[in-house]
């Protein structure tokens, strides 16, 4: 898929190292700054937790999809992505990549919303 957008395939080991560093750095900074980022108050019942999590999933997916679409369209407009199917790459990334990002984002959103609501 990278070949279609960039014209070359990146080294899988480099992708792994970059992904590992990004995930580790993000997790470290998130939990260092706010250790209780994923805590849910005990007073929150299952119905409240599930309804808040469902809404957060929807908000997270839409938010990430819009952000990725804007960045991808900007990169296309600036000529940074210049493969024959770069537009298709941006569309696929806009639909697929937020599926990976929405669950951890929704967990953090749910926790913060319930902590504010039940505080």
PDB file of N, CA and C in Angstrom:
ATOM      1  N   UNK A   1       0.822  -1.179   0.000  1.00  0.00           N
ATOM      2  CA  UNK A   1       0.000   0.000   0.000  1.00  0.00           C
ATOM      3  C   UNK A   1       0.876   1.255   0.000  1.00  0.00           C
ATOM      4  N   UNK A   2       1.965   1.251   0.727  1.00  0.00           N
ATOM      5  CA  UNK A   2       2.867   2.401   0.740  1.00  0.00           C
ATOM      6  C   UNK A   2       3.433   2.656  -0.650  1.00  0.00           C
ATOM      7  N   UNK A   3       3.647   1.584  -1.390  1.00  0.00           N
ATOM      8  CA  UNK A   3       4.218   1.719  -2.723  1.00  0.00           C
ATOM      9  C   UNK A   3       3.307   2.548  -3.632  1.00  0.00           C
ATOM     10  N   UNK A   4       1.999   2.405  -3.462  1.00  0.00           N
ATOM     11  CA  UNK A   4       1.065   3.152  -4.291  1.00  0.00           C
ATOM     12  C   UNK A   4       1.145   4.649  -4.024  1.00  0.00           C
ATOM     13  N   UNK A   5       1.335   5.030  -2.756  1.00  0.00           N
ATOM     14  CA  UNK A   5       1.330   6.452  -2.409  1.00  0.00           C
ATOM     15  C   UNK A   5       2.709   7.090  -2.527  1.00  0.00           C
ATOM     16  N   UNK A   6       3.728   6.381  -2.102  1.00  0.00           N
ATOM     17  CA  UNK A   6       5.052   6.976  -2.036  1.00  0.00           C
ATOM     18  C   UNK A   6       5.973   6.563  -3.179  1.00  0.00           C
ATOM     19  N   UNK A   7       5.624   5.491  -3.858  1.00  0.00           N
ATOM     20  CA  UNK A   7       6.460   5.010  -4.941  1.00  0.00           C
ATOM     21  C   UNK A   7       7.554   4.067  -4.487  1.00  0.00           C
ATOM     22  N   UNK A   8       7.622   3.765  -3.206  1.00  0.00           N
ATOM     23  CA  UNK A   8       8.628   2.851  -2.658  1.00  0.00           C
ATOM     24  C   UNK A   8       8.078   2.200  -1.399  1.00  0.00           C
ATOM     25  N   UNK A   9       8.587   1.042  -1.069  1.00  0.00           N
ATOM     26  CA  UNK A   9       8.192   0.342   0.156  1.00  0.00           C
ATOM     27  C   UNK A   9       9.200   0.635   1.260  1.00  0.00           C
ATOM     28  N   UNK A  10       8.725   1.123   2.412  1.00  0.00           N
ATOM     29  CA  UNK A  10       9.654   1.335   3.522  1.00  0.00           C
ATOM     30  C   UNK A  10      10.081   0.002   4.133  1.00  0.00           C
ATOM     31  N   UNK A  11      11.215   0.001   4.776  1.00  0.00           N
ATOM     32  CA  UNK A  11      11.734  -1.191   5.428  1.00  0.00           C
ATOM     33  C   UNK A  11      10.824  -1.560   6.607  1.00  0.00           C
ATOM     34  N   UNK A  12      10.329  -2.820   6.677  1.00  0.00           N
ATOM     35  CA  UNK A  12       9.434  -3.210   7.772  1.00  0.00           C
ATOM     36  C   UNK A  12      10.078  -3.046   9.153  1.00  0.00           C
ATOM     37  N   UNK A  13      11.360  -3.287   9.276  1.00  0.00           N
ATOM     38  CA  UNK A  13      12.019  -3.126  10.567  1.00  0.00           C
ATOM     39  C   UNK A  13      12.020  -1.661  11.004  1.00  0.00           C
ATOM     40  N   UNK A  14      12.236  -0.749  10.067  1.00  0.00           N
ATOM     41  CA  UNK A  14      12.182   0.676  10.392  1.00  0.00           C
ATOM     42  C   UNK A  14      10.771   1.088  10.798  1.00  0.00           C
ATOM     43  N   UNK A  15       9.769   0.568  10.099  1.00  0.00           N
ATOM     44  CA  UNK A  15       8.385   0.863  10.475  1.00  0.00           C
ATOM     45  C   UNK A  15       8.079   0.352  11.873  1.00  0.00           C
ATOM     46  N   UNK A  16       8.558  -0.838  12.208  1.00  0.00           N
ATOM     47  CA  UNK A  16       8.347  -1.395  13.533  1.00  0.00           C
ATOM     48  C   UNK A  16       8.994  -0.534  14.604  1.00  0.00           C
ATOM     49  N   UNK A  17      10.230  -0.131  14.370  1.00  0.00           N
ATOM     50  CA  UNK A  17      10.949   0.685  15.354  1.00  0.00           C
ATOM     51  C   UNK A  17      10.263   2.038  15.533  1.00  0.00           C
ATOM     52  N   UNK A  18       9.857   2.660  14.448  1.00  0.00           N
ATOM     53  CA  UNK A  18       9.167   3.949  14.537  1.00  0.00           C
ATOM     54  C   UNK A  18       7.833   3.790  15.259  1.00  0.00           C
ATOM     55  N   UNK A  19       7.070   2.744  14.939  1.00  0.00           N
ATOM     56  CA  UNK A  19       5.783   2.507  15.595  1.00  0.00           C
ATOM     57  C   UNK A  19       5.965   2.239  17.084  1.00  0.00           C
ATOM     58  N   UNK A  20       6.955   1.446  17.418  1.00  0.00           N
ATOM     59  CA  UNK A  20       7.236   1.125  18.813  1.00  0.00           C
ATOM     60  C   UNK A  20       7.624   2.385  19.582  1.00  0.00           C
ATOM     61  N   UNK A  21       8.463   3.212  18.985  1.00  0.00           N
ATOM     62  CA  UNK A  21       8.901   4.446  19.645  1.00  0.00           C
ATOM     63  C   UNK A  21       7.728   5.415  19.833  1.00  0.00           C
ATOM     64  N   UNK A  22       6.886   5.555  18.812  1.00  0.00           N
ATOM     65  CA  UNK A  22       5.727   6.442  18.931  1.00  0.00           C
ATOM     66  C   UNK A  22       4.740   5.952  19.991  1.00  0.00           C
ATOM     67  N   UNK A  23       4.442   4.652  19.978  1.00  0.00           N
ATOM     68  CA  UNK A  23       3.508   4.107  20.961  1.00  0.00           C
ATOM     69  C   UNK A  23       4.073   4.209  22.369  1.00  0.00           C
ATOM     70  N   UNK A  24       5.337   3.881  22.528  1.00  0.00           N
ATOM     71  CA  UNK A  24       5.962   3.960  23.850  1.00  0.00           C
ATOM     72  C   UNK A  24       6.053   5.377  24.364  1.00  0.00           C
ATOM     73  N   UNK A  25       6.452   6.298  23.510  1.00  0.00           N
ATOM     74  CA  UNK A  25       6.550   7.695  23.912  1.00  0.00           C
ATOM     75  C   UNK A  25       5.206   8.305  24.266  1.00  0.00           C
ATOM     76  N   UNK A  26       4.199   7.983  23.462  1.00  0.00           N
ATOM     77  CA  UNK A  26       2.855   8.486  23.737  1.00  0.00           C
ATOM     78  C   UNK A  26       2.324   7.926  25.046  1.00  0.00           C
ATOM     79  N   UNK A  27       2.476   6.623  25.253  1.00  0.00           N
ATOM     80  CA  UNK A  27       1.996   6.003  26.493  1.00  0.00           C
ATOM     81  C   UNK A  27       2.732   6.556  27.702  1.00  0.00           C
ATOM     82  N   UNK A  28       4.040   6.682  27.600  1.00  0.00           N
ATOM     83  CA  UNK A  28       4.830   7.186  28.717  1.00  0.00           C
ATOM     84  C   UNK A  28       4.408   8.605  29.092  1.00  0.00           C
ATOM     85  N   UNK A  29       4.290   9.471  28.075  1.00  0.00           N
ATOM     86  CA  UNK A  29       3.931  10.856  28.378  1.00  0.00           C
ATOM     87  C   UNK A  29       2.506  10.971  28.909  1.00  0.00           C
ATOM     88  N   UNK A  30       1.610  10.154  28.381  1.00  0.00           N
ATOM     89  CA  UNK A  30       0.213  10.194  28.824  1.00  0.00           C
ATOM     90  C   UNK A  30       0.086   9.746  30.278  1.00  0.00           C
ATOM     91  N   UNK A  31       0.690   8.629  30.623  1.00  0.00           N
ATOM     92  CA  UNK A  31       0.563   8.109  31.984  1.00  0.00           C
ATOM     93  C   UNK A  31       1.451   8.872  32.960  1.00  0.00           C
ATOM     94  N   UNK A  32       2.498   9.503  32.484  1.00  0.00           N
ATOM     95  CA  UNK A  32       3.358  10.315  33.351  1.00  0.00           C
ATOM     96  C   UNK A  32       2.634  11.606  33.741  1.00  0.00           C
ATOM     97  N   UNK A  33       1.978  12.208  32.751  1.00  0.00           N
ATOM     98  CA  UNK A  33       1.263  13.460  32.984  1.00  0.00           C
ATOM     99  C   UNK A  33       0.013  13.255  33.827  1.00  0.00           C
ATOM    100  N   UNK A  34      -0.706  12.188  33.568  1.00  0.00           N
ATOM    101  CA  UNK A  34      -1.962  11.935  34.266  1.00  0.00           C
ATOM    102  C   UNK A  34      -2.096  10.438  34.545  1.00  0.00           C
ATOM    103  N   UNK A  35      -1.617   9.983  35.714  1.00  0.00           N
ATOM    104  CA  UNK A  35      -1.646   8.543  36.006  1.00  0.00           C
ATOM    105  C   UNK A  35      -3.060   7.935  36.034  1.00  0.00           C
ATOM    106  N   UNK A  36      -4.054   8.734  36.334  1.00  0.00           N
ATOM    107  CA  UNK A  36      -5.422   8.210  36.410  1.00  0.00           C
ATOM    108  C   UNK A  36      -6.213   8.417  35.143  1.00  0.00           C
ATOM    109  N   UNK A  37      -5.535   8.471  34.000  1.00  0.00           N
ATOM    110  CA  UNK A  37      -6.201   8.795  32.745  1.00  0.00           C
ATOM    111  C   UNK A  37      -7.257   7.755  32.355  1.00  0.00           C
ATOM    112  N   UNK A  38      -7.118   6.515  32.792  1.00  0.00           N
ATOM    113  CA  UNK A  38      -8.088   5.480  32.420  1.00  0.00           C
ATOM    114  C   UNK A  38      -8.953   5.013  33.588  1.00  0.00           C
ATOM    115  N   UNK A  39      -8.897   5.713  34.714  1.00  0.00           N
ATOM    116  CA  UNK A  39      -9.711   5.330  35.862  1.00  0.00           C
ATOM    117  C   UNK A  39     -11.162   5.726  35.640  1.00  0.00           C
ATOM    118  N   UNK A  40     -12.070   4.853  36.065  1.00  0.00           N
ATOM    119  CA  UNK A  40     -13.502   5.126  35.976  1.00  0.00           C
ATOM    120  C   UNK A  40     -14.051   5.096  37.397  1.00  0.00           C
ATOM    121  N   UNK A  41     -14.831   6.106  37.799  1.00  0.00           N
ATOM    122  CA  UNK A  41     -15.395   6.110  39.150  1.00  0.00           C
ATOM    123  C   UNK A  41     -16.272   4.881  39.408  1.00  0.00           C
ATOM    124  N   UNK A  42     -16.208   4.381  40.615  1.00  0.00           N
ATOM    125  CA  UNK A  42     -16.985   3.186  40.970  1.00  0.00           C
ATOM    126  C   UNK A  42     -18.482   3.457  40.912  1.00  0.00           C
ATOM    127  N   UNK A  43     -18.896   4.708  41.086  1.00  0.00           N
ATOM    128  CA  UNK A  43     -20.320   5.046  41.075  1.00  0.00           C
ATOM    129  C   UNK A  43     -20.933   4.927  39.682  1.00  0.00           C
ATOM    130  N   UNK A  44     -20.112   4.895  38.670  1.00  0.00           N
ATOM    131  CA  UNK A  44     -20.623   4.776  37.301  1.00  0.00           C
ATOM    132  C   UNK A  44     -21.122   3.356  37.082  1.00  0.00           C
ATOM    133  N   UNK A  45     -22.378   3.229  36.731  1.00  0.00           N
ATOM    134  CA  UNK A  45     -22.940   1.913  36.454  1.00  0.00           C
ATOM    135  C   UNK A  45     -22.601   1.464  35.047  1.00  0.00           C
ATOM    136  N   UNK A  46     -22.968   0.226  34.757  1.00  0.00           N
ATOM    137  CA  UNK A  46     -22.666  -0.331  33.443  1.00  0.00           C
ATOM    138  C   UNK A  46     -23.382   0.414  32.327  1.00  0.00           C
ATOM    139  N   UNK A  47     -24.620   0.807  32.585  1.00  0.00           N
ATOM    140  CA  UNK A  47     -25.383   1.509  31.547  1.00  0.00           C
ATOM    141  C   UNK A  47     -24.729   2.850  31.232  1.00  0.00           C
ATOM    142  N   UNK A  48     -24.348   3.591  32.273  1.00  0.00           N
ATOM    143  CA  UNK A  48     -23.693   4.880  32.069  1.00  0.00           C
ATOM    144  C   UNK A  48     -22.349   4.691  31.371  1.00  0.00           C
ATOM    145  N   UNK A  49     -21.597   3.687  31.789  1.00  0.00           N
ATOM    146  CA  UNK A  49     -20.286   3.429  31.190  1.00  0.00           C
ATOM    147  C   UNK A  49     -20.413   3.070  29.714  1.00  0.00           C
ATOM    148  N   UNK A  50     -21.323   2.160  29.389  1.00  0.00           N
ATOM    149  CA  UNK A  50     -21.483   1.733  28.000  1.00  0.00           C
ATOM    150  C   UNK A  50     -22.043   2.841  27.107  1.00  0.00           C
ATOM    151  N   UNK A  51     -22.991   3.620  27.621  1.00  0.00           N
ATOM    152  CA  UNK A  51     -23.534   4.702  26.794  1.00  0.00           C
ATOM    153  C   UNK A  51     -22.484   5.777  26.549  1.00  0.00           C
ATOM    154  N   UNK A  52     -21.713   6.108  27.569  1.00  0.00           N
ATOM    155  CA  UNK A  52     -20.651   7.102  27.397  1.00  0.00           C
ATOM    156  C   UNK A  52     -19.554   6.583  26.466  1.00  0.00           C
ATOM    157  N   UNK A  53     -19.210   5.306  26.588  1.00  0.00           N
ATOM    158  CA  UNK A  53     -18.179   4.722  25.734  1.00  0.00           C
ATOM    159  C   UNK A  53     -18.639   4.663  24.277  1.00  0.00           C
ATOM    160  N   UNK A  54     -19.897   4.335  24.048  1.00  0.00           N
ATOM    161  CA  UNK A  54     -20.425   4.278  22.680  1.00  0.00           C
ATOM    162  C   UNK A  54     -20.385   5.664  22.024  1.00  0.00           C
ATOM    163  N   UNK A  55     -20.801   6.676  22.767  1.00  0.00           N
ATOM    164  CA  UNK A  55     -20.750   8.043  22.238  1.00  0.00           C
ATOM    165  C   UNK A  55     -19.299   8.462  21.984  1.00  0.00           C
ATOM    166  N   UNK A  56     -18.394   8.100  22.898  1.00  0.00           N
ATOM    167  CA  UNK A  56     -16.985   8.460  22.729  1.00  0.00           C
ATOM    168  C   UNK A  56     -16.379   7.745  21.519  1.00  0.00           C
ATOM    169  N   UNK A  57     -16.772   6.499  21.267  1.00  0.00           N
ATOM    170  CA  UNK A  57     -16.295   5.782  20.077  1.00  0.00           C
ATOM    171  C   UNK A  57     -16.691   6.512  18.803  1.00  0.00           C
ATOM    172  N   UNK A  58     -17.936   6.934  18.737  1.00  0.00           N
ATOM    173  CA  UNK A  58     -18.415   7.651  17.555  1.00  0.00           C
ATOM    174  C   UNK A  58     -17.666   8.972  17.388  1.00  0.00           C
ATOM    175  N   UNK A  59     -17.539   9.718  18.473  1.00  0.00           N
ATOM    176  CA  UNK A  59     -16.832  11.005  18.396  1.00  0.00           C
ATOM    177  C   UNK A  59     -15.369  10.812  18.009  1.00  0.00           C
ATOM    178  N   UNK A  60     -14.728   9.803  18.574  1.00  0.00           N
ATOM    179  CA  UNK A  60     -13.313   9.562  18.279  1.00  0.00           C
ATOM    180  C   UNK A  60     -13.121   9.172  16.811  1.00  0.00           C
ATOM    181  N   UNK A  61     -13.987   8.290  16.288  1.00  0.00           N
ATOM    182  CA  UNK A  61     -13.838   7.879  14.887  1.00  0.00           C
ATOM    183  C   UNK A  61     -14.019   9.065  13.949  1.00  0.00           C
ATOM    184  N   UNK A  62     -15.077   9.823  14.157  1.00  0.00           N
ATOM    185  CA  UNK A  62     -15.346  10.961  13.275  1.00  0.00           C
ATOM    186  C   UNK A  62     -14.229  11.996  13.374  1.00  0.00           C
ATOM    187  N   UNK A  63     -13.785  12.265  14.580  1.00  0.00           N
ATOM    188  CA  UNK A  63     -12.713  13.247  14.764  1.00  0.00           C
ATOM    189  C   UNK A  63     -11.421  12.832  14.090  1.00  0.00           C
ATOM    190  N   UNK A  64     -11.011  11.586  14.289  1.00  0.00           N
ATOM    191  CA  UNK A  64      -9.784  11.101  13.649  1.00  0.00           C
ATOM    192  C   UNK A  64      -9.930  11.049  12.133  1.00  0.00           C
ATOM    193  N   UNK A  65     -11.110  10.638  11.647  1.00  0.00           N
ATOM    194  CA  UNK A  65     -11.309  10.550  10.190  1.00  0.00           C
ATOM    195  C   UNK A  65     -11.214  11.935   9.551  1.00  0.00           C
ATOM    196  N   UNK A  66     -11.822  12.923  10.184  1.00  0.00           N
ATOM    197  CA  UNK A  66     -11.756  14.285   9.633  1.00  0.00           C
ATOM    198  C   UNK A  66     -10.318  14.799   9.664  1.00  0.00           C
ATOM    199  N   UNK A  67      -9.629  14.598  10.773  1.00  0.00           N
ATOM    200  CA  UNK A  67      -8.242  15.058  10.885  1.00  0.00           C
ATOM    201  C   UNK A  67      -7.338  14.397   9.840  1.00  0.00           C
ATOM    202  N   UNK A  68      -7.460  13.087   9.689  1.00  0.00           N
ATOM    203  CA  UNK A  68      -6.623  12.358   8.730  1.00  0.00           C
ATOM    204  C   UNK A  68      -6.971  12.764   7.300  1.00  0.00           C
ATOM    205  N   UNK A  69      -8.252  12.973   7.015  1.00  0.00           N
ATOM    206  CA  UNK A  69      -8.651  13.406   5.676  1.00  0.00           C
ATOM    207  C   UNK A  69      -8.085  14.786   5.364  1.00  0.00           C
ATOM    208  N   UNK A  70      -8.114  15.685   6.343  1.00  0.00           N
ATOM    209  CA  UNK A  70      -7.567  17.026   6.117  1.00  0.00           C
ATOM    210  C   UNK A  70      -6.054  16.992   5.901  1.00  0.00           C
ATOM    211  N   UNK A  71      -5.355  16.225   6.713  1.00  0.00           N
ATOM    212  CA  UNK A  71      -3.902  16.125   6.567  1.00  0.00           C
ATOM    213  C   UNK A  71      -3.551  15.461   5.230  1.00  0.00           C
ATOM    214  N   UNK A  72      -4.245  14.377   4.904  1.00  0.00           N
ATOM    215  CA  UNK A  72      -3.981  13.689   3.641  1.00  0.00           C
ATOM    216  C   UNK A  72      -4.283  14.551   2.432  1.00  0.00           C
ATOM    217  N   UNK A  73      -5.375  15.293   2.483  1.00  0.00           N
ATOM    218  CA  UNK A  73      -5.710  16.188   1.375  1.00  0.00           C
ATOM    219  C   UNK A  73      -4.690  17.311   1.256  1.00  0.00           C
ATOM    220  N   UNK A  74      -4.225  17.797   2.399  1.00  0.00           N
ATOM    221  CA  UNK A  74      -3.182  18.823   2.369  1.00  0.00           C
ATOM    222  C   UNK A  74      -1.893  18.305   1.764  1.00  0.00           C
ATOM    223  N   UNK A  75      -1.521  17.076   2.129  1.00  0.00           N
ATOM    224  CA  UNK A  75      -0.312  16.477   1.562  1.00  0.00           C
ATOM    225  C   UNK A  75      -0.448  16.252   0.063  1.00  0.00           C
ATOM    226  N   UNK A  76      -1.642  15.871  -0.373  1.00  0.00           N
ATOM    227  CA  UNK A  76      -1.878  15.717  -1.814  1.00  0.00           C
ATOM    228  C   UNK A  76      -1.776  17.066  -2.522  1.00  0.00           C
ATOM    229  N   UNK A  77      -2.368  18.090  -1.927  1.00  0.00           N
ATOM    230  CA  UNK A  77      -2.361  19.413  -2.548  1.00  0.00           C
ATOM    231  C   UNK A  77      -0.941  19.992  -2.624  1.00  0.00           C
ATOM    232  N   UNK A  78      -0.140  19.709  -1.605  1.00  0.00           N
ATOM    233  CA  UNK A  78       1.236  20.223  -1.591  1.00  0.00           C
ATOM    234  C   UNK A  78       2.183  19.396  -2.445  1.00  0.00           C
ATOM    235  N   UNK A  79       1.729  18.232  -2.889  1.00  0.00           N
ATOM    236  CA  UNK A  79       2.561  17.384  -3.722  1.00  0.00           C
ATOM    237  C   UNK A  79       3.473  16.462  -2.938  1.00  0.00           C
ATOM    238  N   UNK A  80       3.279  16.357  -1.619  1.00  0.00           N
ATOM    239  CA  UNK A  80       4.121  15.481  -0.809  1.00  0.00           C
ATOM    240  C   UNK A  80       3.826  14.008  -1.098  1.00  0.00           C
ATOM    241  N   UNK A  81       2.588  13.693  -1.431  1.00  0.00           N
ATOM    242  CA  UNK A  81       2.223  12.339  -1.863  1.00  0.00           C
ATOM    243  C   UNK A  81       2.055  12.391  -3.374  1.00  0.00           C
ATOM    244  N   UNK A  82       2.834  11.594  -4.074  1.00  0.00           N
ATOM    245  CA  UNK A  82       2.814  11.727  -5.526  1.00  0.00           C
ATOM    246  C   UNK A  82       2.892  10.379  -6.228  1.00  0.00           C
ATOM    247  N   UNK A  83       2.097   9.439  -5.816  1.00  0.00           N
ATOM    248  CA  UNK A  83       2.033   8.179  -6.543  1.00  0.00           C
ATOM    249  C   UNK A  83       0.846   8.199  -7.482  1.00  0.00           C
ATOM    250  N   UNK A  84       0.727   7.173  -8.279  1.00  0.00           N
ATOM    251  CA  UNK A  84      -0.395   7.163  -9.223  1.00  0.00           C
ATOM    252  C   UNK A  84      -1.722   6.945  -8.511  1.00  0.00           C
ATOM    253  N   UNK A  85      -1.684   6.297  -7.336  1.00  0.00           N
ATOM    254  CA  UNK A  85      -2.909   6.061  -6.578  1.00  0.00           C
ATOM    255  C   UNK A  85      -2.846   6.715  -5.205  1.00  0.00           C
ATOM    256  N   UNK A  86      -2.241   7.874  -5.108  1.00  0.00           N
ATOM    257  CA  UNK A  86      -2.095   8.549  -3.816  1.00  0.00           C
ATOM    258  C   UNK A  86      -3.451   8.947  -3.241  1.00  0.00           C
ATOM    259  N   UNK A  87      -4.382   9.353  -4.088  1.00  0.00           N
ATOM    260  CA  UNK A  87      -5.731   9.697  -3.621  1.00  0.00           C
ATOM    261  C   UNK A  87      -6.433   8.513  -2.990  1.00  0.00           C
ATOM    262  N   UNK A  88      -6.282   7.350  -3.621  1.00  0.00           N
ATOM    263  CA  UNK A  88      -6.862   6.135  -3.067  1.00  0.00           C
ATOM    264  C   UNK A  88      -6.223   5.791  -1.731  1.00  0.00           C
ATOM    265  N   UNK A  89      -4.929   6.004  -1.611  1.00  0.00           N
ATOM    266  CA  UNK A  89      -4.225   5.771  -0.359  1.00  0.00           C
ATOM    267  C   UNK A  89      -4.785   6.651   0.748  1.00  0.00           C
ATOM    268  N   UNK A  90      -5.023   7.920   0.460  1.00  0.00           N
ATOM    269  CA  UNK A  90      -5.562   8.843   1.463  1.00  0.00           C
ATOM    270  C   UNK A  90      -6.967   8.421   1.877  1.00  0.00           C
ATOM    271  N   UNK A  91      -7.785   8.026   0.925  1.00  0.00           N
ATOM    272  CA  UNK A  91      -9.150   7.586   1.245  1.00  0.00           C
ATOM    273  C   UNK A  91      -9.110   6.330   2.114  1.00  0.00           C
ATOM    274  N   UNK A  92      -8.292   5.346   1.739  1.00  0.00           N
ATOM    275  CA  UNK A  92      -8.189   4.132   2.548  1.00  0.00           C
ATOM    276  C   UNK A  92      -7.666   4.422   3.950  1.00  0.00           C
ATOM    277  N   UNK A  93      -6.682   5.291   4.043  1.00  0.00           N
ATOM    278  CA  UNK A  93      -6.132   5.657   5.342  1.00  0.00           C
ATOM    279  C   UNK A  93      -7.163   6.409   6.179  1.00  0.00           C
ATOM    280  N   UNK A  94      -7.983   7.230   5.542  1.00  0.00           N
ATOM    281  CA  UNK A  94      -9.016   7.973   6.258  1.00  0.00           C
ATOM    282  C   UNK A  94     -10.088   7.044   6.821  1.00  0.00           C
ATOM    283  N   UNK A  95     -10.401   5.981   6.128  1.00  0.00           N
ATOM    284  CA  UNK A  95     -11.422   5.042   6.601  1.00  0.00           C
ATOM    285  C   UNK A  95     -10.844   4.029   7.581  1.00  0.00           C
ATOM    286  N   UNK A  96      -9.646   3.537   7.325  1.00  0.00           N
ATOM    287  CA  UNK A  96      -9.094   2.406   8.065  1.00  0.00           C
ATOM    288  C   UNK A  96      -8.331   2.813   9.316  1.00  0.00           C
ATOM    289  N   UNK A  97      -7.487   3.828   9.236  1.00  0.00           N
ATOM    290  CA  UNK A  97      -6.613   4.189  10.348  1.00  0.00           C
ATOM    291  C   UNK A  97      -7.374   4.652  11.593  1.00  0.00           C
ATOM    292  N   UNK A  98      -8.480   5.410  11.478  1.00  0.00           N
ATOM    293  CA  UNK A  98      -9.224   5.781  12.682  1.00  0.00           C
ATOM    294  C   UNK A  98      -9.798   4.586  13.447  1.00  0.00           C
ATOM    295  N   UNK A  99      -9.986   3.458  12.773  1.00  0.00           N
ATOM    296  CA  UNK A  99     -10.455   2.267  13.484  1.00  0.00           C
ATOM    297  C   UNK A  99      -9.450   1.817  14.537  1.00  0.00           C
ATOM    298  N   UNK A 100      -8.168   2.023  14.292  1.00  0.00           N
ATOM    299  CA  UNK A 100      -7.130   1.667  15.255  1.00  0.00           C
ATOM    300  C   UNK A 100      -7.040   2.689  16.374  1.00  0.00           C
ATOM    301  N   UNK A 101      -7.265   3.955  16.025  1.00  0.00           N
ATOM    302  CA  UNK A 101      -7.079   5.029  16.990  1.00  0.00           C
ATOM    303  C   UNK A 101      -8.302   5.296  17.857  1.00  0.00           C
ATOM    304  N   UNK A 102      -9.493   4.880  17.418  1.00  0.00           N
ATOM    305  CA  UNK A 102     -10.702   5.271  18.127  1.00  0.00           C
ATOM    306  C   UNK A 102     -10.867   4.595  19.480  1.00  0.00           C
ATOM    307  N   UNK A 103     -10.421   3.363  19.643  1.00  0.00           N
ATOM    308  CA  UNK A 103     -10.638   2.667  20.916  1.00  0.00           C
ATOM    309  C   UNK A 103      -9.813   3.280  22.052  1.00  0.00           C
ATOM    310  N   UNK A 104      -8.490   3.476  21.897  1.00  0.00           N
ATOM    311  CA  UNK A 104      -7.779   4.117  23.004  1.00  0.00           C
ATOM    312  C   UNK A 104      -8.239   5.549  23.252  1.00  0.00           C
ATOM    313  N   UNK A 105      -8.586   6.269  22.190  1.00  0.00           N
ATOM    314  CA  UNK A 105      -9.088   7.633  22.370  1.00  0.00           C
ATOM    315  C   UNK A 105     -10.420   7.616  23.107  1.00  0.00           C
ATOM    316  N   UNK A 106     -11.299   6.687  22.753  1.00  0.00           N
ATOM    317  CA  UNK A 106     -12.598   6.590  23.415  1.00  0.00           C
ATOM    318  C   UNK A 106     -12.458   6.179  24.875  1.00  0.00           C
ATOM    319  N   UNK A 107     -11.487   5.335  25.192  1.00  0.00           N
ATOM    320  CA  UNK A 107     -11.260   4.956  26.592  1.00  0.00           C
ATOM    321  C   UNK A 107     -10.873   6.175  27.428  1.00  0.00           C
ATOM    322  N   UNK A 108      -9.956   6.972  26.921  1.00  0.00           N
ATOM    323  CA  UNK A 108      -9.531   8.179  27.644  1.00  0.00           C
ATOM    324  C   UNK A 108     -10.665   9.196  27.735  1.00  0.00           C
ATOM    325  N   UNK A 109     -11.422   9.372  26.659  1.00  0.00           N
ATOM    326  CA  UNK A 109     -12.550  10.300  26.680  1.00  0.00           C
ATOM    327  C   UNK A 109     -13.612   9.857  27.676  1.00  0.00           C
ATOM    328  N   UNK A 110     -13.934   8.573  27.675  1.00  0.00           N
ATOM    329  CA  UNK A 110     -14.939   8.046  28.592  1.00  0.00           C
ATOM    330  C   UNK A 110     -14.517   8.259  30.034  1.00  0.00           C
ATOM    331  N   UNK A 111     -13.278   7.958  30.336  1.00  0.00           N
ATOM    332  CA  UNK A 111     -12.773   8.132  31.686  1.00  0.00           C
ATOM    333  C   UNK A 111     -12.865   9.589  32.125  1.00  0.00           C
ATOM    334  N   UNK A 112     -12.413  10.501  31.280  1.00  0.00           N
ATOM    335  CA  UNK A 112     -12.428  11.916  31.679  1.00  0.00           C
ATOM    336  C   UNK A 112     -13.850  12.443  31.798  1.00  0.00           C
ATOM    337  N   UNK A 113     -14.734  12.040  30.901  1.00  0.00           N
ATOM    338  CA  UNK A 113     -16.124  12.498  30.978  1.00  0.00           C
ATOM    339  C   UNK A 113     -16.815  11.983  32.235  1.00  0.00           C
ATOM    340  N   UNK A 114     -16.599  10.712  32.565  1.00  0.00           N
ATOM    341  CA  UNK A 114     -17.239  10.155  33.764  1.00  0.00           C
ATOM    342  C   UNK A 114     -16.625  10.742  35.029  1.00  0.00           C
ATOM    343  N   UNK A 115     -15.337  11.004  35.039  1.00  0.00           N
ATOM    344  CA  UNK A 115     -14.734  11.626  36.222  1.00  0.00           C
ATOM    345  C   UNK A 115     -15.287  13.039  36.436  1.00  0.00           C
ATOM    346  N   UNK A 116     -15.486  13.790  35.365  1.00  0.00           N
ATOM    347  CA  UNK A 116     -16.059  15.137  35.491  1.00  0.00           C
ATOM    348  C   UNK A 116     -17.520  15.070  35.906  1.00  0.00           C
ATOM    349  N   UNK A 117     -18.267  14.144  35.311  1.00  0.00           N
ATOM    350  CA  UNK A 117     -19.704  14.058  35.602  1.00  0.00           C
ATOM    351  C   UNK A 117     -19.961  13.590  37.029  1.00  0.00           C
ATOM    352  N   UNK A 118     -19.164  12.675  37.525  1.00  0.00           N
ATOM    353  CA  UNK A 118     -19.427  12.087  38.840  1.00  0.00           C
ATOM    354  C   UNK A 118     -18.554  12.689  39.943  1.00  0.00           C
ATOM    355  N   UNK A 119     -17.830  13.741  39.646  1.00  0.00           N
ATOM    356  CA  UNK A 119     -16.957  14.340  40.668  1.00  0.00           C
ATOM    357  C   UNK A 119     -17.730  15.198  41.645  1.00  0.00           C
TER     358      UNK A 119
END
